[in-house]
Protein backbone atom coordinates (compact mmCIF):
# COMPACT_ATOMS: atom_id res chain seq x y z
CA UNK A 1 -0.21 0.16 0.05
CA UNK A 2 1.19 3.42 -0.40
CA UNK A 3 0.39 6.96 -1.79
CA UNK A 4 0.37 8.10 -5.45
CA UNK A 5 0.74 11.74 -6.87
CA UNK A 6 -2.50 12.18 -9.05
CA UNK A 7 -0.47 12.52 -12.29
CA UNK A 8 2.40 10.55 -13.18
CA UNK A 9 5.31 12.11 -15.47
CA UNK A 10 6.92 9.99 -17.89
CA UNK A 11 9.86 11.08 -20.33
CA UNK A 12 10.78 9.93 -23.94
CA UNK A 13 14.26 8.68 -24.41
CA UNK A 14 16.39 11.01 -26.48
CA UNK A 15 16.09 11.16 -30.26
CA UNK A 16 19.16 10.23 -32.22
CA UNK A 17 20.87 12.73 -34.26
CA UNK A 18 20.98 12.39 -38.35
CA UNK A 19 23.63 9.12 -38.22
CA UNK A 20 23.65 8.46 -34.56
CA UNK A 21 27.33 8.58 -34.18
CA UNK A 22 28.35 8.76 -30.61
CA UNK A 23 25.25 8.15 -29.14
CA UNK A 24 24.96 4.49 -28.32
CA UNK A 25 24.98 5.07 -24.57
CA UNK A 26 22.60 7.88 -24.50
CA UNK A 27 19.27 5.90 -24.02
CA UNK A 28 20.83 4.01 -20.91
CA UNK A 29 22.46 7.22 -19.47
CA UNK A 30 18.93 8.90 -19.75
CA UNK A 31 17.11 6.10 -18.62
CA UNK A 32 19.27 5.97 -15.27
CA UNK A 33 18.78 9.82 -14.89
CA UNK A 34 15.04 9.74 -15.50
CA UNK A 35 14.75 7.40 -12.50
CA UNK A 36 17.29 8.97 -10.44
CA UNK A 37 15.08 12.44 -11.01
CA UNK A 38 11.81 10.79 -9.84
CA UNK A 39 9.99 10.25 -13.36
CA UNK A 40 7.54 7.55 -13.09
CA UNK A 41 8.38 6.02 -16.95
CA UNK A 42 10.49 6.21 -19.76
CA UNK A 43 9.31 5.76 -23.50
CA UNK A 44 10.91 4.71 -26.78
CA UNK A 45 9.14 5.35 -30.43
CA UNK A 46 7.88 1.89 -32.24
CA UNK A 47 8.11 3.35 -35.79
CA UNK A 48 10.29 1.36 -38.14
CA UNK A 49 10.83 4.08 -40.92
CA UNK A 50 10.80 7.84 -40.84
CA UNK A 51 12.70 11.28 -40.99
CA UNK A 52 14.62 10.43 -38.14
CA UNK A 53 16.45 7.47 -37.24
CA UNK A 54 14.51 4.88 -35.16
CA UNK A 55 16.01 2.16 -32.92
CA UNK A 56 14.03 -0.96 -32.26
CA UNK A 57 11.68 -0.23 -29.02
CA UNK A 58 12.32 -3.49 -27.19
CA UNK A 59 15.70 -3.69 -27.25
CA UNK A 60 16.09 -0.02 -26.36
CA UNK A 61 13.46 -0.79 -23.64
CA UNK A 62 15.34 -3.94 -22.47
CA UNK A 63 18.70 -1.95 -22.14
CA UNK A 64 16.75 0.72 -20.04
CA UNK A 65 15.31 -1.63 -17.89
CA UNK A 66 18.49 -3.43 -17.23
CA UNK A 67 19.94 -0.35 -16.22
CA UNK A 68 17.19 0.87 -13.95
CA UNK A 69 15.19 -0.84 -11.10
CA UNK A 70 12.15 1.17 -10.63
CA UNK A 71 11.19 3.39 -13.59
CA UNK A 72 8.53 1.84 -16.05
CA UNK A 73 9.48 1.30 -19.57
CA UNK A 74 7.00 2.07 -22.46
CA UNK A 75 6.54 1.52 -26.28
CA UNK A 76 5.21 4.81 -27.56
CA UNK A 77 3.71 3.49 -29.57
CA UNK A 78 3.33 -0.09 -31.25
CA UNK A 79 1.95 -0.30 -34.45
CA UNK A 80 0.30 -3.74 -33.43
CA UNK A 81 -0.98 -5.17 -36.79
CA UNK A 82 2.10 -4.92 -38.79
CA UNK A 83 3.62 -7.49 -36.04
CA UNK A 84 3.50 -11.55 -36.06
CA UNK A 85 1.52 -11.86 -32.77
CA UNK A 86 3.56 -15.10 -31.52
CA UNK A 87 6.64 -13.01 -31.79
CA UNK A 88 5.40 -9.84 -30.46
CA UNK A 89 4.09 -11.75 -27.46
CA UNK A 90 7.28 -13.68 -26.65
CA UNK A 91 8.89 -10.11 -27.05
CA UNK A 92 6.53 -8.56 -24.72
CA UNK A 93 6.56 -11.44 -22.33
CA UNK A 94 10.20 -11.37 -22.32
CA UNK A 95 10.52 -7.72 -21.22
CA UNK A 96 7.96 -7.68 -18.84
CA UNK A 97 9.70 -10.67 -16.94
CA UNK A 98 13.05 -9.25 -17.58
CA UNK A 99 11.72 -5.61 -16.05
CA UNK A 100 10.09 -7.50 -13.36
CA UNK A 101 6.65 -6.08 -14.28
CA UNK A 102 7.58 -2.51 -15.22
CA UNK A 103 6.01 -2.88 -18.62
CA UNK A 104 3.54 -0.19 -20.43
CA UNK A 105 2.49 -1.07 -23.85
CA UNK A 106 1.25 2.05 -26.06
CA UNK A 107 -0.66 0.21 -28.85
CA UNK A 108 -2.04 1.68 -32.09
CA UNK A 109 -3.67 0.67 -35.34
CA UNK A 110 -1.01 3.02 -37.25
CA UNK A 111 -3.97 5.25 -38.62
CA UNK A 112 -3.63 8.23 -35.88
CA UNK A 113 -1.47 10.92 -35.26
CA UNK A 114 0.63 8.47 -33.61
CA UNK A 115 1.92 6.98 -36.93
CA UNK A 116 3.00 10.39 -38.00
CA UNK A 117 4.77 11.65 -34.88
CA UNK A 118 8.23 11.28 -34.34
CA UNK A 119 9.05 10.43 -37.87
CA UNK A 120 6.57 7.93 -38.73
CA UNK A 121 4.08 7.56 -41.71
CA UNK A 122 0.60 6.49 -42.09
CA UNK A 123 1.57 5.31 -45.48
CA UNK A 124 4.76 4.12 -44.87
CA UNK A 125 6.28 1.14 -46.81
CA UNK A 126 6.15 -0.76 -43.42
CA UNK A 127 2.62 -2.10 -44.14
CA UNK A 128 4.08 -3.47 -47.82
CA UNK A 129 6.93 -4.98 -46.08
CA UNK A 130 4.56 -6.88 -43.40
CA UNK A 131 2.53 -8.12 -46.23
CA UNK A 132 -0.63 -6.41 -44.35
CA UNK A 133 -3.15 -4.44 -45.93
CA UNK A 134 -3.62 -0.89 -44.32
CA UNK A 135 -7.28 -0.91 -44.70
CA UNK A 136 -7.26 -4.20 -42.35
CA UNK A 137 -5.95 -2.52 -39.39
CA UNK A 138 -8.53 -2.18 -36.94
CA UNK A 139 -9.82 -5.65 -37.38
CA UNK A 140 -6.11 -6.94 -37.30
CA UNK A 141 -5.51 -4.88 -34.02
CA UNK A 142 -8.50 -5.97 -32.26
CA UNK A 143 -7.63 -9.71 -33.21
CA UNK A 144 -3.94 -9.26 -31.90
CA UNK A 145 -4.87 -7.64 -28.83
CA UNK A 146 -7.26 -10.22 -27.67
CA UNK A 147 -4.67 -13.02 -28.65
CA UNK A 148 -1.88 -11.09 -26.59
CA UNK A 149 -4.24 -10.94 -23.74
CA UNK A 150 -4.46 -14.71 -23.57
CA UNK A 151 -0.92 -15.46 -24.42
CA UNK A 152 0.86 -13.30 -21.87
CA UNK A 153 -0.97 -14.55 -18.70
CA UNK A 154 -0.25 -18.21 -20.21
CA UNK A 155 -3.98 -18.84 -21.40
CA UNK A 156 -4.04 -21.00 -24.39
CA UNK A 157 -4.94 -19.23 -27.48
CA UNK A 158 -5.52 -19.66 -31.10
CA UNK A 159 -2.99 -18.02 -33.25
CA UNK A 160 -2.84 -18.67 -37.04
CA UNK A 161 -2.97 -22.34 -37.24
CA UNK A 162 -2.00 -23.16 -33.81
CA UNK A 163 -5.21 -23.86 -31.56
CA UNK A 164 -3.55 -24.02 -28.39
CA UNK A 165 -0.35 -21.87 -28.06
CA UNK A 166 0.77 -21.11 -24.63
CA UNK A 167 3.80 -19.11 -23.33
CA UNK A 168 5.57 -19.92 -20.07
CA UNK A 169 6.38 -18.14 -17.87
CA UNK A 170 3.31 -16.43 -17.12
CA UNK A 171 4.00 -12.62 -16.64
CA UNK A 172 1.64 -10.09 -14.98
CA UNK A 173 -0.53 -8.65 -17.75
CA UNK A 174 0.94 -4.98 -18.55
CA UNK A 175 -1.52 -2.23 -19.20
CA UNK A 176 -2.08 -1.83 -22.93
CA UNK A 177 -2.51 1.95 -23.66
CA UNK A 178 -4.45 2.25 -26.69
CA UNK A 179 -3.86 5.03 -29.04
CA UNK A 180 -6.08 6.93 -31.34
CA UNK A 181 -9.38 9.28 -31.26
CA UNK A 182 -11.76 7.71 -33.83
CA UNK A 183 -14.89 6.15 -32.24
CA UNK A 184 -13.01 2.63 -32.99
CA UNK A 185 -10.17 3.85 -31.30
CA UNK A 186 -12.14 5.01 -28.21
CA UNK A 187 -14.11 1.95 -28.15
CA UNK A 188 -10.77 -0.18 -28.06
CA UNK A 189 -9.62 2.21 -25.47
CA UNK A 190 -12.82 1.45 -23.30
CA UNK A 191 -12.57 -2.33 -23.85
CA UNK A 192 -8.95 -2.27 -22.39
CA UNK A 193 -9.27 0.29 -19.93
CA UNK A 194 -6.44 2.97 -21.06
CA UNK A 195 -6.44 5.70 -23.52
CA UNK A 196 -3.45 6.70 -25.08
CA UNK A 197 -3.64 10.06 -27.41
CA UNK A 198 -0.73 12.39 -28.45
CA UNK A 199 -0.71 15.99 -29.06
CA UNK A 200 -3.77 16.66 -27.01
CA UNK A 201 -4.58 19.85 -24.74
CA UNK A 202 -6.28 19.54 -21.42
CA UNK A 203 -9.76 20.83 -23.01
CA UNK A 204 -9.50 18.38 -25.72
CA UNK A 205 -8.98 15.54 -23.14
CA UNK A 206 -11.78 16.80 -21.51
CA UNK A 207 -14.20 16.77 -24.40
CA UNK A 208 -13.13 13.20 -25.20
CA UNK A 209 -13.88 11.94 -21.75
CA UNK A 210 -17.47 12.54 -22.24
CA UNK A 211 -17.24 10.34 -25.27
CA UNK A 212 -15.72 7.90 -23.50
CA UNK A 213 -18.18 7.85 -21.02
CA UNK A 214 -20.76 7.66 -23.33
CA UNK A 215 -19.13 4.52 -25.14
CA UNK A 216 -18.46 3.06 -21.56
CA UNK A 217 -22.31 3.25 -21.02
CA UNK A 218 -23.09 1.64 -24.22
CA UNK A 219 -20.65 -1.36 -23.44
CA UNK A 220 -21.82 -1.85 -19.72
CA UNK A 221 -18.57 -0.27 -18.46
CA UNK A 222 -19.25 2.43 -15.62
CA UNK A 223 -15.12 3.24 -14.92
CA UNK A 224 -13.59 5.32 -17.45
CA UNK A 225 -10.25 4.42 -19.23
CA UNK A 226 -7.14 5.45 -17.58
CA UNK A 227 -5.90 8.66 -19.46
CA UNK A 228 -2.10 9.04 -20.59
CA UNK A 229 -1.29 11.98 -22.89
CA UNK A 230 2.00 12.23 -24.66
CA UNK A 231 2.95 16.20 -25.71
CA UNK A 232 5.97 18.05 -27.20
CA UNK A 233 8.00 19.97 -24.32
CA UNK A 234 10.68 22.59 -24.52
CA UNK A 235 11.63 23.88 -21.16
CA UNK A 236 13.49 27.07 -20.41
CA UNK A 237 15.96 28.00 -17.51
CA UNK A 238 14.32 30.53 -15.06
CA UNK A 239 15.25 34.25 -16.55
CA UNK A 240 15.56 32.84 -20.01
CA UNK A 241 13.86 34.83 -22.77
CA UNK A 242 12.77 32.93 -25.79
CA UNK A 243 10.05 33.83 -28.39
CA UNK A 244 7.25 30.64 -28.58
CA UNK A 245 6.52 29.49 -31.96
CA UNK A 246 3.59 27.37 -32.69
CA UNK A 247 3.83 24.40 -35.27
CA UNK A 248 3.36 25.53 -38.84
CA UNK A 249 -0.21 25.11 -40.29
CA UNK A 250 1.30 22.27 -42.85
CA UNK A 251 2.13 20.47 -39.29
CA UNK A 252 -1.20 20.97 -38.09
CA UNK A 253 -2.86 19.48 -41.18
CA UNK A 254 -0.57 16.90 -40.88
CA UNK A 255 -1.63 16.00 -37.56
CA UNK A 256 -5.19 16.42 -38.04
CA UNK A 257 -5.18 19.23 -35.18
CA UNK A 258 -6.52 22.79 -35.22
CA UNK A 259 -4.29 25.81 -34.03
CA UNK A 260 -6.41 26.35 -31.06
CA UNK A 261 -5.87 22.88 -29.65
CA UNK A 262 -2.17 23.14 -30.65
CA UNK A 263 -1.59 26.22 -28.56
CA UNK A 264 -2.85 24.62 -25.65
CA UNK A 265 -1.00 21.65 -25.91
CA UNK A 266 2.56 22.07 -25.35
CA UNK A 267 4.26 22.10 -21.85
CA UNK A 268 6.77 24.59 -22.09
CA UNK A 269 8.21 27.84 -20.62
CA UNK A 270 10.03 28.06 -17.08
CA UNK A 271 9.38 25.38 -14.85
CA UNK A 272 6.81 27.58 -13.20
CA UNK A 273 4.86 27.68 -16.60
CA UNK A 274 5.29 24.03 -17.45
CA UNK A 275 4.01 23.22 -13.65
CA UNK A 276 0.80 25.11 -14.50
CA UNK A 277 -0.07 23.06 -17.78
CA UNK A 278 0.84 19.82 -15.75
CA UNK A 279 -1.83 20.85 -13.35
CA UNK A 280 -4.06 21.73 -16.14
CA UNK A 281 -3.75 18.20 -17.52
CA UNK A 282 -4.27 16.89 -13.96
CA UNK A 283 -7.45 18.51 -13.44
CA UNK A 284 -8.66 17.47 -16.83
CA UNK A 285 -8.69 14.06 -15.81
CA UNK A 286 -5.10 12.82 -17.08
CA UNK A 287 -3.56 10.37 -15.11
CA UNK A 288 -0.29 10.18 -16.65
CA UNK A 289 1.78 12.85 -19.10
CA UNK A 290 4.52 11.77 -21.11
CA UNK A 291 6.98 14.31 -22.52
CA UNK A 292 8.82 14.41 -25.54
CA UNK A 293 11.81 17.01 -26.01
CA UNK A 294 12.93 18.07 -29.44
CA UNK A 295 15.96 19.64 -28.06
CA UNK A 296 18.84 17.74 -28.28
CA UNK A 297 20.01 18.71 -24.56
CA UNK A 298 18.22 16.18 -22.86
CA UNK A 299 19.74 16.43 -19.62
CA UNK A 300 19.01 19.99 -19.31
CA UNK A 301 15.33 19.11 -20.28
CA UNK A 302 15.03 16.38 -17.84
CA UNK A 303 16.33 18.63 -15.01
CA UNK A 304 13.92 21.27 -15.63
CA UNK A 305 10.73 18.78 -16.08
CA UNK A 306 11.59 17.27 -12.93
CA UNK A 307 11.45 20.98 -11.41
CA UNK A 308 8.19 21.31 -13.25
CA UNK A 309 6.82 18.29 -11.82
CA UNK A 310 7.54 18.66 -8.27
CA UNK A 311 5.96 22.18 -8.50
CA UNK A 312 2.63 20.48 -10.19
CA UNK A 313 2.39 17.95 -7.62
CA UNK A 314 2.10 20.30 -4.84
CA UNK A 315 -1.04 21.67 -6.08
CA UNK A 316 -2.60 18.00 -7.04
CA UNK A 317 -4.08 15.81 -4.80
CA UNK A 318 -2.87 12.28 -3.82
CA UNK A 319 -4.14 9.12 -4.24
CA UNK A 320 -3.98 6.01 -1.82
CA UNK A 321 -3.10 2.76 -3.56
CA UNK A 322 -2.94 -0.85 -2.47
CA UNK A 323 -1.73 -4.32 -3.95
CA UNK A 324 -3.22 -7.18 -2.05
CA UNK A 325 -3.34 -10.72 -3.21
CA UNK A 326 -3.91 -14.71 -1.47
CA UNK A 327 -2.51 -17.61 -2.56
CA UNK A 328 -3.98 -21.06 -3.44
CA UNK A 329 -2.97 -24.15 -1.64
CA UNK A 330 -1.47 -25.33 -5.43
CA UNK A 331 0.43 -21.96 -5.58
CA UNK A 332 -2.04 -19.73 -7.65
CA UNK A 333 -2.32 -16.24 -7.33
CA UNK A 334 -5.18 -13.59 -7.30
CA UNK A 335 -3.61 -9.97 -7.03
CA UNK A 336 -5.51 -6.72 -7.15
CA UNK A 337 -4.44 -3.19 -7.12
CA UNK A 338 -6.90 -0.40 -6.31
CA UNK A 339 -6.67 3.07 -6.09
CA UNK A 340 -9.18 4.84 -4.21
CA UNK A 341 -10.12 8.56 -4.59
CA UNK A 342 -11.70 10.65 -2.00
CA UNK A 343 -14.35 12.35 -4.14
CA UNK A 344 -17.93 10.81 -3.44
CA UNK A 345 -19.15 8.48 -6.41
CA UNK A 346 -20.73 5.45 -6.99
CA UNK A 347 -18.64 2.22 -6.94
CA UNK A 348 -17.56 0.99 -10.14
CA UNK A 349 -15.28 -2.27 -11.17
CA UNK A 350 -13.19 -2.53 -14.18
CA UNK A 351 -12.08 -6.09 -15.46
CA UNK A 352 -9.04 -5.34 -17.80
CA UNK A 353 -8.34 -8.57 -18.60
CA UNK A 354 -11.44 -9.65 -20.08
CA UNK A 355 -13.83 -12.55 -19.67
CA UNK A 356 -11.95 -14.58 -21.66
CA UNK A 357 -8.84 -14.69 -19.20
CA UNK A 358 -10.90 -13.97 -15.78
CA UNK A 359 -14.27 -15.66 -16.27
CA UNK A 360 -17.03 -13.91 -15.10
CA UNK A 361 -17.82 -16.07 -11.71
CA UNK A 362 -14.05 -14.73 -10.91
CA UNK A 363 -14.86 -11.56 -11.68
CA UNK A 364 -17.93 -11.41 -9.94
CA UNK A 365 -16.10 -12.80 -6.72
CA UNK A 366 -13.66 -10.17 -6.59
CA UNK A 367 -16.26 -7.47 -7.27
CA UNK A 368 -17.97 -9.19 -4.04
CA UNK A 369 -14.94 -8.92 -2.11
CA UNK A 370 -14.74 -5.10 -3.03
CA UNK A 371 -18.26 -4.59 -2.35
CA UNK A 372 -18.00 -6.31 1.25
CA UNK A 373 -15.10 -4.31 2.06
CA UNK A 374 -16.51 -1.09 1.30
CA UNK A 375 -19.99 -1.87 2.98
CA UNK A 376 -18.94 -0.19 6.44
CA UNK A 377 -17.81 3.10 5.01
CA UNK A 378 -19.85 6.10 5.92
CA UNK A 379 -19.30 7.71 2.60
CA UNK A 380 -19.04 6.36 -1.04
CA UNK A 381 -15.42 5.46 -1.88
CA UNK A 382 -14.72 5.21 -5.54
CA UNK A 383 -12.49 2.20 -6.79
CA UNK A 384 -10.57 4.28 -9.57
CA UNK A 385 -8.89 0.92 -10.84
CA UNK A 386 -8.75 -2.98 -10.14
CA UNK A 387 -5.99 -4.80 -12.21
CA UNK A 388 -6.10 -8.55 -11.35
CA UNK A 389 -2.34 -9.35 -12.13
CA UNK A 390 -2.96 -13.41 -11.89
CA UNK A 391 -5.49 -15.56 -12.47
CA UNK A 392 -4.54 -19.03 -11.64
CA UNK A 393 -6.94 -19.15 -8.68
CA UNK A 394 -10.58 -20.04 -7.33
CA UNK A 395 -13.52 -17.56 -6.20
CA UNK A 396 -12.83 -17.77 -2.67
CA UNK A 397 -9.05 -16.60 -3.37
CA UNK A 398 -10.34 -13.83 -5.45
CA UNK A 399 -13.31 -12.62 -3.01
CA UNK A 400 -10.55 -12.59 -0.26
CA UNK A 401 -8.11 -10.52 -2.20
CA UNK A 402 -10.72 -7.80 -3.26
CA UNK A 403 -11.35 -7.34 0.69
CA UNK A 404 -7.76 -7.25 1.31
CA UNK A 405 -6.82 -4.84 -1.12
CA UNK A 406 -9.55 -2.39 -0.14
CA UNK A 407 -8.88 -2.65 3.69
CA UNK A 408 -5.50 -1.94 2.99
CA UNK A 409 -6.17 1.21 0.89
CA UNK A 410 -8.64 2.77 3.32
CA UNK A 411 -5.85 2.05 6.00
CA UNK A 412 -3.47 3.91 4.17
CA UNK A 413 -5.75 6.77 3.61
CA UNK A 414 -6.84 6.71 7.48
CA UNK A 415 -2.93 6.81 8.24
CA UNK A 416 -2.20 9.62 5.77
CA UNK A 417 -4.66 12.15 6.76
CA UNK A 418 -6.39 14.43 4.57
CA UNK A 419 -4.10 15.80 1.78
């Protein structure tokens, strides 16, 4: 159990120069420094081609994970449909295992602004090289995500001609953060419990959250997806004067965003000014902000971003978090993480694994345990998120895990007092 800030801050690992000469150690050095400065996560782009050199994100993130112990490692983002599912599953499984559960998977169809940011392109030769029709991206993405959902937690899945493919060792299901802004993308984000737009302003996020709520209600889900947002950032030391230039109209058209949204998007200026923008994102409902720095001096940018984050966190509330689990006699675990917010609201439960992995009876047992633990509360407590990390267990184990997680989270809340 513990206390978490209301908005996490992640940073992209530095871009390479035109030829990448002399920069082989930059990603490792940046990951270590990001961890020292207290950032929640580091990220690597997932494009194969583009106008800037791009390293393989799995290799890059593996090096970052090996050089650190706490910071999470994230794809920003994978174009899922161009990857063979079995190979991708093993890559993600290996990275999740070797990082000891620190993986975050940004996932995209390849048709959104993510596909063009940091050098990629929606009409990239990657599609031809992979032998995948661009028009089938939504169908292939949905199918791949469902297969990955099972494979990563060692549940047999049908992949190609293999009817019962299963991977070992089992790993905790990493959060899949769904990119894109179309209705199909947003429905996918609701289904998987996390939305990951880029180049979005606080006002735009707030507007889309209402769409997500409607789509969630249509699908029977009452908890909104967690929201991570990636934005560009150029920070200045206090006292530095610089003229702020908005992106060119051609850039805005390419990304499909208007000038108003673009002007409200960047986290820029001095740490004080950047902190104000981070607070805006937090109050708009963003759970994680991921900063990308076009400046080559990533060390200075990281330092200034850390200062901005500290200033922002003083203005935002905290969440109480608990992870609890119970073990079966045969060694299976049901482990749950709950974030409890103080705002009065109706209780809600989210099963991010889906009924193909966590069947209805186990999901119901977990929900009953959470409800029972909340029954004695004088006020309503909203369960912000419930992640089931292991599923090799029975209904009694899940019910007890739900009770324990809520009990520990409430104990942490009371011990911490009012923030």
